[in-house]
């Protein structure tokens, strides 16, 4: 093997030193760049705009809440307290004043009216029954109120036209009738009882006698 010259040996040493320098880590090697968060758009940081349809009036410190105004309708005729809400009054004006709904009851029995119909006496509301009792318009036959035509007897008793009937045969009596012992009979049954001597006979008289009565047709 041929020996290397001095120049070749020097070149090899220099080349080896260069390789060692290249393979060793460098202290001045650049550090990897840090990833920065991208800037947040202004549209994400600002509060969302208010919905104009749901906008609210900002509260003013020191101001009291605004209350709705209520229109007074005077005092209730039933309890004398002020009326601020719904009320009841007469549609035809026959009854004056206004009432709370719970105060609008019959003056006599204090029961609420079942329908929109009520009766008035001396500017006070009444149910049907107590109105007719106070008005003297109760039918003797059915004990109900009379409105319209009625029959009035000589004793001022009032009947619906179809309520004056014979006590025996229940026949409707339109004009004349017979009274015996405080009961009403048609002509046939009255004579039949008279013949039997139940009400007419020796020693009888007064209210037990058969008496002819008449009626008159009236309008309430």
Foldseek 3Di string as FASTA:
>chain_A
DDDDDPVVVVVVVVVVVVVVVVPDDDPPDDDDDDDDDDDDDPVVVDDDDDDVVPDDDDDDPPDDDDDDDFDWPAAAPQPRHIDGDDWDDDPVPPADDIHRQQRQAAPPPSHRDPDPDWDDDPNHTHHQLVVCVVVVQAAPQPRGGDAWKWKAWPVRHTHRQQRCAAPPPRHRDRWKWKAALNGTHHPVVLVVVVVVVPQHDPPHDDRRDIDMITIDMDTD
